[in-house]
Amino acid sequence: MEWKIALICLAGLFGLLLMGPFMLKPLKLVYHLASYFVIGGVLLYVSNFLLSQAGLRVAINPVTMLTAGVLQVPGVILLAVLRHIFV
């Protein structure tokens, strides 16, 4: 009886070792998306602070935050140019 429990525990640990990388990938994706949102929010906040004197403000919402976070400074410039052209 004790051997069966030990074998079941070893099989569970082995399965966890095999499935570990597959379970970490979605967490890694969530971490990257969250960091892009934070970076984008900070970049947009700073650019709005600096460009508000010129009358140019970019809306801070999830789409613009993700765009600014992924593309970083060129993304903020792109958003500012699009805001200037279309609004």
PDB file of N, CA and C in Angstrom:
ATOM      1  N   MET A   1       0.821  -1.192   0.000  1.00  0.00           N
ATOM      2  CA  MET A   1       0.000   0.000   0.000  1.00  0.00           C
ATOM      3  C   MET A   1       0.865   1.255   0.000  1.00  0.00           C
ATOM      4  N   GLU A   2       1.933   1.266   0.776  1.00  0.00           N
ATOM      5  CA  GLU A   2       2.802   2.438   0.845  1.00  0.00           C
ATOM      6  C   GLU A   2       3.557   2.635  -0.464  1.00  0.00           C
ATOM      7  N   TRP A   3       3.886   1.537  -1.137  1.00  0.00           N
ATOM      8  CA  TRP A   3       4.591   1.643  -2.402  1.00  0.00           C
ATOM      9  C   TRP A   3       3.692   2.269  -3.469  1.00  0.00           C
ATOM     10  N   LYS A   4       2.414   1.940  -3.409  1.00  0.00           N
ATOM     11  CA  LYS A   4       1.483   2.505  -4.386  1.00  0.00           C
ATOM     12  C   LYS A   4       1.385   4.019  -4.222  1.00  0.00           C
ATOM     13  N   ILE A   5       1.334   4.476  -2.983  1.00  0.00           N
ATOM     14  CA  ILE A   5       1.258   5.920  -2.719  1.00  0.00           C
ATOM     15  C   ILE A   5       2.538   6.609  -3.184  1.00  0.00           C
ATOM     16  N   ALA A   6       3.691   5.971  -2.917  1.00  0.00           N
ATOM     17  CA  ALA A   6       4.969   6.540  -3.342  1.00  0.00           C
ATOM     18  C   ALA A   6       5.045   6.603  -4.866  1.00  0.00           C
ATOM     19  N   LEU A   7       4.589   5.561  -5.547  1.00  0.00           N
ATOM     20  CA  LEU A   7       4.614   5.557  -7.009  1.00  0.00           C
ATOM     21  C   LEU A   7       3.653   6.601  -7.583  1.00  0.00           C
ATOM     22  N   ILE A   8       2.495   6.755  -6.960  1.00  0.00           N
ATOM     23  CA  ILE A   8       1.544   7.771  -7.418  1.00  0.00           C
ATOM     24  C   ILE A   8       2.134   9.168  -7.237  1.00  0.00           C
ATOM     25  N   CYS A   9       2.810   9.399  -6.117  1.00  0.00           N
ATOM     26  CA  CYS A   9       3.451  10.703  -5.877  1.00  0.00           C
ATOM     27  C   CYS A   9       4.558  10.956  -6.887  1.00  0.00           C
ATOM     28  N   LEU A  10       5.370   9.940  -7.166  1.00  0.00           N
ATOM     29  CA  LEU A  10       6.440  10.092  -8.157  1.00  0.00           C
ATOM     30  C   LEU A  10       5.870  10.345  -9.551  1.00  0.00           C
ATOM     31  N   ALA A  11       4.799   9.637  -9.896  1.00  0.00           N
ATOM     32  CA  ALA A  11       4.168   9.857 -11.197  1.00  0.00           C
ATOM     33  C   ALA A  11       3.599  11.277 -11.277  1.00  0.00           C
ATOM     34  N   GLY A  12       3.020  11.763 -10.190  1.00  0.00           N
ATOM     35  CA  GLY A  12       2.502  13.125 -10.165  1.00  0.00           C
ATOM     36  C   GLY A  12       3.604  14.157 -10.315  1.00  0.00           C
ATOM     37  N   LEU A  13       4.725  13.950  -9.640  1.00  0.00           N
ATOM     38  CA  LEU A  13       5.860  14.869  -9.771  1.00  0.00           C
ATOM     39  C   LEU A  13       6.438  14.834 -11.182  1.00  0.00           C
ATOM     40  N   PHE A  14       6.517  13.639 -11.759  1.00  0.00           N
ATOM     41  CA  PHE A  14       7.020  13.508 -13.124  1.00  0.00           C
ATOM     42  C   PHE A  14       6.088  14.224 -14.106  1.00  0.00           C
ATOM     43  N   GLY A  15       4.785  14.059 -13.905  1.00  0.00           N
ATOM     44  CA  GLY A  15       3.815  14.755 -14.750  1.00  0.00           C
ATOM     45  C   GLY A  15       3.915  16.261 -14.599  1.00  0.00           C
ATOM     46  N   LEU A  16       4.155  16.720 -13.386  1.00  0.00           N
ATOM     47  CA  LEU A  16       4.317  18.153 -13.149  1.00  0.00           C
ATOM     48  C   LEU A  16       5.573  18.676 -13.833  1.00  0.00           C
ATOM     49  N   LEU A  17       6.640  17.884 -13.819  1.00  0.00           N
ATOM     50  CA  LEU A  17       7.860  18.280 -14.517  1.00  0.00           C
ATOM     51  C   LEU A  17       7.634  18.371 -16.021  1.00  0.00           C
ATOM     52  N   LEU A  18       6.851  17.444 -16.553  1.00  0.00           N
ATOM     53  CA  LEU A  18       6.575  17.473 -17.987  1.00  0.00           C
ATOM     54  C   LEU A  18       5.654  18.629 -18.370  1.00  0.00           C
ATOM     55  N   MET A  19       4.692  18.938 -17.530  1.00  0.00           N
ATOM     56  CA  MET A  19       3.707  19.969 -17.844  1.00  0.00           C
ATOM     57  C   MET A  19       4.134  21.366 -17.386  1.00  0.00           C
ATOM     58  N   GLY A  20       5.191  21.477 -16.618  1.00  0.00           N
ATOM     59  CA  GLY A  20       5.633  22.761 -16.080  1.00  0.00           C
ATOM     60  C   GLY A  20       5.851  23.837 -17.127  1.00  0.00           C
ATOM     61  N   PRO A  21       6.635  23.550 -18.174  1.00  0.00           N
ATOM     62  CA  PRO A  21       6.854  24.595 -19.187  1.00  0.00           C
ATOM     63  C   PRO A  21       5.571  25.034 -19.889  1.00  0.00           C
ATOM     64  N   PHE A  22       4.642  24.105 -20.082  1.00  0.00           N
ATOM     65  CA  PHE A  22       3.381  24.459 -20.733  1.00  0.00           C
ATOM     66  C   PHE A  22       2.512  25.321 -19.831  1.00  0.00           C
ATOM     67  N   MET A  23       2.646  25.151 -18.533  1.00  0.00           N
ATOM     68  CA  MET A  23       1.861  25.954 -17.598  1.00  0.00           C
ATOM     69  C   MET A  23       2.481  27.329 -17.395  1.00  0.00           C
ATOM     70  N   LEU A  24       3.777  27.465 -17.617  1.00  0.00           N
ATOM     71  CA  LEU A  24       4.442  28.748 -17.408  1.00  0.00           C
ATOM     72  C   LEU A  24       4.286  29.695 -18.595  1.00  0.00           C
ATOM     73  N   LYS A  25       4.086  29.159 -19.800  1.00  0.00           N
ATOM     74  CA  LYS A  25       3.963  30.027 -20.968  1.00  0.00           C
ATOM     75  C   LYS A  25       2.800  31.009 -20.863  1.00  0.00           C
ATOM     76  N   PRO A  26       1.593  30.581 -20.480  1.00  0.00           N
ATOM     77  CA  PRO A  26       0.516  31.572 -20.348  1.00  0.00           C
ATOM     78  C   PRO A  26       0.808  32.618 -19.276  1.00  0.00           C
ATOM     79  N   LEU A  27       1.454  32.221 -18.194  1.00  0.00           N
ATOM     80  CA  LEU A  27       1.807  33.195 -17.160  1.00  0.00           C
ATOM     81  C   LEU A  27       2.821  34.198 -17.682  1.00  0.00           C
ATOM     82  N   LYS A  28       3.740  33.735 -18.514  1.00  0.00           N
ATOM     83  CA  LYS A  28       4.730  34.618 -19.112  1.00  0.00           C
ATOM     84  C   LYS A  28       4.044  35.627 -20.036  1.00  0.00           C
ATOM     85  N   LEU A  29       3.054  35.162 -20.793  1.00  0.00           N
ATOM     86  CA  LEU A  29       2.309  36.046 -21.678  1.00  0.00           C
ATOM     87  C   LEU A  29       1.549  37.103 -20.882  1.00  0.00           C
ATOM     88  N   VAL A  30       0.923  36.701 -19.802  1.00  0.00           N
ATOM     89  CA  VAL A  30       0.190  37.647 -18.951  1.00  0.00           C
ATOM     90  C   VAL A  30       1.156  38.665 -18.353  1.00  0.00           C
ATOM     91  N   TYR A  31       2.334  38.208 -17.934  1.00  0.00           N
ATOM     92  CA  TYR A  31       3.337  39.119 -17.374  1.00  0.00           C
ATOM     93  C   TYR A  31       3.783  40.135 -18.424  1.00  0.00           C
ATOM     94  N   HIS A  32       4.037  39.688 -19.653  1.00  0.00           N
ATOM     95  CA  HIS A  32       4.469  40.608 -20.702  1.00  0.00           C
ATOM     96  C   HIS A  32       3.371  41.616 -21.042  1.00  0.00           C
ATOM     97  N   LEU A  33       2.137  41.155 -21.145  1.00  0.00           N
ATOM     98  CA  LEU A  33       1.044  42.085 -21.433  1.00  0.00           C
ATOM     99  C   LEU A  33       0.879  43.115 -20.318  1.00  0.00           C
ATOM    100  N   ALA A  34       0.977  42.665 -19.082  1.00  0.00           N
ATOM    101  CA  ALA A  34       0.854  43.595 -17.954  1.00  0.00           C
ATOM    102  C   ALA A  34       1.987  44.614 -17.969  1.00  0.00           C
ATOM    103  N   SER A  35       3.198  44.163 -18.279  1.00  0.00           N
ATOM    104  CA  SER A  35       4.319  45.108 -18.322  1.00  0.00           C
ATOM    105  C   SER A  35       4.156  46.082 -19.484  1.00  0.00           C
ATOM    106  N   TYR A  36       3.627  45.621 -20.634  1.00  0.00           N
ATOM    107  CA  TYR A  36       3.372  46.534 -21.747  1.00  0.00           C
ATOM    108  C   TYR A  36       2.329  47.583 -21.373  1.00  0.00           C
ATOM    109  N   PHE A  37       1.287  47.172 -20.649  1.00  0.00           N
ATOM    110  CA  PHE A  37       0.269  48.128 -20.215  1.00  0.00           C
ATOM    111  C   PHE A  37       0.867  49.173 -19.280  1.00  0.00           C
ATOM    112  N   VAL A  38       1.697  48.750 -18.351  1.00  0.00           N
ATOM    113  CA  VAL A  38       2.295  49.692 -17.397  1.00  0.00           C
ATOM    114  C   VAL A  38       3.242  50.642 -18.115  1.00  0.00           C
ATOM    115  N   ILE A  39       4.102  50.104 -18.971  1.00  0.00           N
ATOM    116  CA  ILE A  39       5.051  50.945 -19.710  1.00  0.00           C
ATOM    117  C   ILE A  39       4.296  51.930 -20.601  1.00  0.00           C
ATOM    118  N   GLY A  40       3.269  51.444 -21.291  1.00  0.00           N
ATOM    119  CA  GLY A  40       2.474  52.318 -22.150  1.00  0.00           C
ATOM    120  C   GLY A  40       1.773  53.409 -21.371  1.00  0.00           C
ATOM    121  N   GLY A  41       1.232  53.061 -20.208  1.00  0.00           N
ATOM    122  CA  GLY A  41       0.570  54.064 -19.377  1.00  0.00           C
ATOM    123  C   GLY A  41       1.528  55.142 -18.913  1.00  0.00           C
ATOM    124  N   VAL A  42       2.711  54.737 -18.503  1.00  0.00           N
ATOM    125  CA  VAL A  42       3.712  55.711 -18.053  1.00  0.00           C
ATOM    126  C   VAL A  42       4.145  56.602 -19.215  1.00  0.00           C
ATOM    127  N   LEU A  43       4.403  55.993 -20.375  1.00  0.00           N
ATOM    128  CA  LEU A  43       4.810  56.788 -21.535  1.00  0.00           C
ATOM    129  C   LEU A  43       3.722  57.776 -21.952  1.00  0.00           C
ATOM    130  N   LEU A  44       2.484  57.329 -21.947  1.00  0.00           N
ATOM    131  CA  LEU A  44       1.395  58.235 -22.325  1.00  0.00           C
ATOM    132  C   LEU A  44       1.203  59.341 -21.299  1.00  0.00           C
ATOM    133  N   TYR A  45       1.336  59.012 -20.032  1.00  0.00           N
ATOM    134  CA  TYR A  45       1.197  60.033 -18.992  1.00  0.00           C
ATOM    135  C   TYR A  45       2.289  61.091 -19.140  1.00  0.00           C
ATOM    136  N   VAL A  46       3.531  60.656 -19.350  1.00  0.00           N
ATOM    137  CA  VAL A  46       4.647  61.600 -19.501  1.00  0.00           C
ATOM    138  C   VAL A  46       4.470  62.424 -20.773  1.00  0.00           C
ATOM    139  N   SER A  47       4.089  61.776 -21.878  1.00  0.00           N
ATOM    140  CA  SER A  47       3.917  62.529 -23.123  1.00  0.00           C
ATOM    141  C   SER A  47       2.754  63.515 -23.016  1.00  0.00           C
ATOM    142  N   ASN A  48       1.672  63.132 -22.343  1.00  0.00           N
ATOM    143  CA  ASN A  48       0.567  64.074 -22.144  1.00  0.00           C
ATOM    144  C   ASN A  48       1.003  65.251 -21.281  1.00  0.00           C
ATOM    145  N   PHE A  49       1.823  64.982 -20.283  1.00  0.00           N
ATOM    146  CA  PHE A  49       2.317  66.055 -19.428  1.00  0.00           C
ATOM    147  C   PHE A  49       3.197  67.018 -20.226  1.00  0.00           C
ATOM    148  N   LEU A  50       4.064  66.469 -21.082  1.00  0.00           N
ATOM    149  CA  LEU A  50       4.982  67.312 -21.842  1.00  0.00           C
ATOM    150  C   LEU A  50       4.299  68.010 -23.014  1.00  0.00           C
ATOM    151  N   LEU A  51       3.357  67.337 -23.667  1.00  0.00           N
ATOM    152  CA  LEU A  51       2.731  67.903 -24.859  1.00  0.00           C
ATOM    153  C   LEU A  51       1.466  68.695 -24.570  1.00  0.00           C
ATOM    154  N   SER A  52       1.021  68.718 -23.324  1.00  0.00           N
ATOM    155  CA  SER A  52      -0.212  69.448 -23.009  1.00  0.00           C
ATOM    156  C   SER A  52      -0.036  70.951 -23.209  1.00  0.00           C
ATOM    157  N   GLN A  53       1.179  71.439 -23.075  1.00  0.00           N
ATOM    158  CA  GLN A  53       1.429  72.863 -23.293  1.00  0.00           C
ATOM    159  C   GLN A  53       1.255  73.230 -24.760  1.00  0.00           C
ATOM    160  N   ALA A  54       1.484  72.265 -25.646  1.00  0.00           N
ATOM    161  CA  ALA A  54       1.294  72.500 -27.076  1.00  0.00           C
ATOM    162  C   ALA A  54      -0.136  72.207 -27.503  1.00  0.00           C
ATOM    163  N   GLY A  55      -0.971  71.780 -26.571  1.00  0.00           N
ATOM    164  CA  GLY A  55      -2.367  71.496 -26.884  1.00  0.00           C
ATOM    165  C   GLY A  55      -2.590  70.123 -27.490  1.00  0.00           C
ATOM    166  N   LEU A  56      -1.629  69.237 -27.379  1.00  0.00           N
ATOM    167  CA  LEU A  56      -1.742  67.892 -27.955  1.00  0.00           C
ATOM    168  C   LEU A  56      -1.800  66.874 -26.829  1.00  0.00           C
ATOM    169  N   ARG A  57      -2.921  66.180 -26.732  1.00  0.00           N
ATOM    170  CA  ARG A  57      -3.099  65.158 -25.701  1.00  0.00           C
ATOM    171  C   ARG A  57      -3.565  63.876 -26.369  1.00  0.00           C
ATOM    172  N   VAL A  58      -3.059  62.752 -25.883  1.00  0.00           N
ATOM    173  CA  VAL A  58      -3.456  61.439 -26.384  1.00  0.00           C
ATOM    174  C   VAL A  58      -4.275  60.766 -25.289  1.00  0.00           C
ATOM    175  N   ALA A  59      -5.396  60.178 -25.675  1.00  0.00           N
ATOM    176  CA  ALA A  59      -6.257  59.506 -24.705  1.00  0.00           C
ATOM    177  C   ALA A  59      -5.534  58.303 -24.102  1.00  0.00           C
ATOM    178  N   ILE A  60      -5.759  58.089 -22.826  1.00  0.00           N
ATOM    179  CA  ILE A  60      -5.165  56.936 -22.151  1.00  0.00           C
ATOM    180  C   ILE A  60      -6.270  55.904 -21.962  1.00  0.00           C
ATOM    181  N   ASN A  61      -6.233  54.868 -22.790  1.00  0.00           N
ATOM    182  CA  ASN A  61      -7.165  53.752 -22.693  1.00  0.00           C
ATOM    183  C   ASN A  61      -6.385  52.470 -22.985  1.00  0.00           C
ATOM    184  N   PRO A  62      -6.972  51.305 -22.816  1.00  0.00           N
ATOM    185  CA  PRO A  62      -6.205  50.066 -22.991  1.00  0.00           C
ATOM    186  C   PRO A  62      -5.562  49.908 -24.370  1.00  0.00           C
ATOM    187  N   VAL A  63      -6.239  50.348 -25.419  1.00  0.00           N
ATOM    188  CA  VAL A  63      -5.677  50.189 -26.764  1.00  0.00           C
ATOM    189  C   VAL A  63      -4.452  51.081 -26.943  1.00  0.00           C
ATOM    190  N   THR A  64      -4.554  52.341 -26.533  1.00  0.00           N
ATOM    191  CA  THR A  64      -3.408  53.236 -26.682  1.00  0.00           C
ATOM    192  C   THR A  64      -2.274  52.842 -25.739  1.00  0.00           C
ATOM    193  N   MET A  65      -2.630  52.347 -24.558  1.00  0.00           N
ATOM    194  CA  MET A  65      -1.586  51.905 -23.628  1.00  0.00           C
ATOM    195  C   MET A  65      -0.825  50.712 -24.194  1.00  0.00           C
ATOM    196  N   LEU A  66      -1.532  49.766 -24.796  1.00  0.00           N
ATOM    197  CA  LEU A  66      -0.873  48.600 -25.374  1.00  0.00           C
ATOM    198  C   LEU A  66      -0.040  48.992 -26.588  1.00  0.00           C
ATOM    199  N   THR A  67      -0.557  49.912 -27.411  1.00  0.00           N
ATOM    200  CA  THR A  67       0.203  50.385 -28.569  1.00  0.00           C
ATOM    201  C   THR A  67       1.480  51.080 -28.124  1.00  0.00           C
ATOM    202  N   ALA A  68       1.366  51.959 -27.154  1.00  0.00           N
ATOM    203  CA  ALA A  68       2.541  52.676 -26.658  1.00  0.00           C
ATOM    204  C   ALA A  68       3.495  51.732 -25.934  1.00  0.00           C
ATOM    205  N   GLY A  69       2.973  50.731 -25.259  1.00  0.00           N
ATOM    206  CA  GLY A  69       3.827  49.798 -24.540  1.00  0.00           C
ATOM    207  C   GLY A  69       4.599  48.883 -25.458  1.00  0.00           C
ATOM    208  N   VAL A  70       3.953  48.413 -26.512  1.00  0.00           N
ATOM    209  CA  VAL A  70       4.627  47.501 -27.438  1.00  0.00           C
ATOM    210  C   VAL A  70       5.614  48.264 -28.312  1.00  0.00           C
ATOM    211  N   LEU A  71       5.184  49.396 -28.875  1.00  0.00           N
ATOM    212  CA  LEU A  71       6.045  50.153 -29.784  1.00  0.00           C
ATOM    213  C   LEU A  71       6.918  51.177 -29.068  1.00  0.00           C
ATOM    214  N   GLN A  72       6.615  51.480 -27.846  1.00  0.00           N
ATOM    215  CA  GLN A  72       7.308  52.421 -26.974  1.00  0.00           C
ATOM    216  C   GLN A  72       7.316  53.821 -27.564  1.00  0.00           C
ATOM    217  N   VAL A  73       8.447  54.496 -27.679  1.00  0.00           N
ATOM    218  CA  VAL A  73       8.463  55.905 -28.102  1.00  0.00           C
ATOM    219  C   VAL A  73       7.900  56.077 -29.516  1.00  0.00           C
ATOM    220  N   PRO A  74       8.265  55.229 -30.496  1.00  0.00           N
ATOM    221  CA  PRO A  74       7.622  55.383 -31.810  1.00  0.00           C
ATOM    222  C   PRO A  74       6.104  55.207 -31.755  1.00  0.00           C
ATOM    223  N   GLY A  75       5.624  54.374 -30.852  1.00  0.00           N
ATOM    224  CA  GLY A  75       4.183  54.202 -30.693  1.00  0.00           C
ATOM    225  C   GLY A  75       3.516  55.452 -30.166  1.00  0.00           C
ATOM    226  N   VAL A  76       4.164  56.130 -29.228  1.00  0.00           N
ATOM    227  CA  VAL A  76       3.618  57.386 -28.699  1.00  0.00           C
ATOM    228  C   VAL A  76       3.612  58.445 -29.792  1.00  0.00           C
ATOM    229  N   ILE A  77       4.674  58.496 -30.582  1.00  0.00           N
ATOM    230  CA  ILE A  77       4.726  59.452 -31.694  1.00  0.00           C
ATOM    231  C   ILE A  77       3.632  59.136 -32.707  1.00  0.00           C
ATOM    232  N   LEU A  78       3.445  57.854 -33.014  1.00  0.00           N
ATOM    233  CA  LEU A  78       2.385  57.441 -33.931  1.00  0.00           C
ATOM    234  C   LEU A  78       1.017  57.858 -33.418  1.00  0.00           C
ATOM    235  N   LEU A  79       0.759  57.627 -32.149  1.00  0.00           N
ATOM    236  CA  LEU A  79      -0.532  58.009 -31.567  1.00  0.00           C
ATOM    237  C   LEU A  79      -0.731  59.520 -31.594  1.00  0.00           C
ATOM    238  N   ALA A  80       0.333  60.273 -31.326  1.00  0.00           N
ATOM    239  CA  ALA A  80       0.221  61.738 -31.349  1.00  0.00           C
ATOM    240  C   ALA A  80      -0.040  62.240 -32.763  1.00  0.00           C
ATOM    241  N   VAL A  81       0.632  61.651 -33.744  1.00  0.00           N
ATOM    242  CA  VAL A  81       0.420  62.062 -35.136  1.00  0.00           C
ATOM    243  C   VAL A  81      -0.991  61.698 -35.586  1.00  0.00           C
ATOM    244  N   LEU A  82      -1.455  60.500 -35.251  1.00  0.00           N
ATOM    245  CA  LEU A  82      -2.816  60.106 -35.609  1.00  0.00           C
ATOM    246  C   LEU A  82      -3.849  61.001 -34.935  1.00  0.00           C
ATOM    247  N   ARG A  83      -3.593  61.362 -33.700  1.00  0.00           N
ATOM    248  CA  ARG A  83      -4.509  62.266 -32.978  1.00  0.00           C
ATOM    249  C   ARG A  83      -4.546  63.628 -33.668  1.00  0.00           C
ATOM    250  N   HIS A  84      -3.370  64.107 -34.094  1.00  0.00           N
ATOM    251  CA  HIS A  84      -3.286  65.411 -34.754  1.00  0.00           C
ATOM    252  C   HIS A  84      -3.977  65.382 -36.120  1.00  0.00           C
ATOM    253  N   ILE A  85      -3.837  64.290 -36.853  1.00  0.00           N
ATOM    254  CA  ILE A  85      -4.415  64.204 -38.199  1.00  0.00           C
ATOM    255  C   ILE A  85      -5.927  64.024 -38.154  1.00  0.00           C
ATOM    256  N   PHE A  86      -6.404  63.103 -37.324  1.00  0.00           N
ATOM    257  CA  PHE A  86      -7.814  62.727 -37.378  1.00  0.00           C
ATOM    258  C   PHE A  86      -8.721  63.483 -36.419  1.00  0.00           C
ATOM    259  N   VAL A  87      -8.179  64.197 -35.469  1.00  0.00           N
ATOM    260  CA  VAL A  87      -9.047  64.900 -34.519  1.00  0.00           C
ATOM    261  C   VAL A  87      -8.835  66.385 -34.624  1.00  0.00           C
TER     262      VAL A  87
END
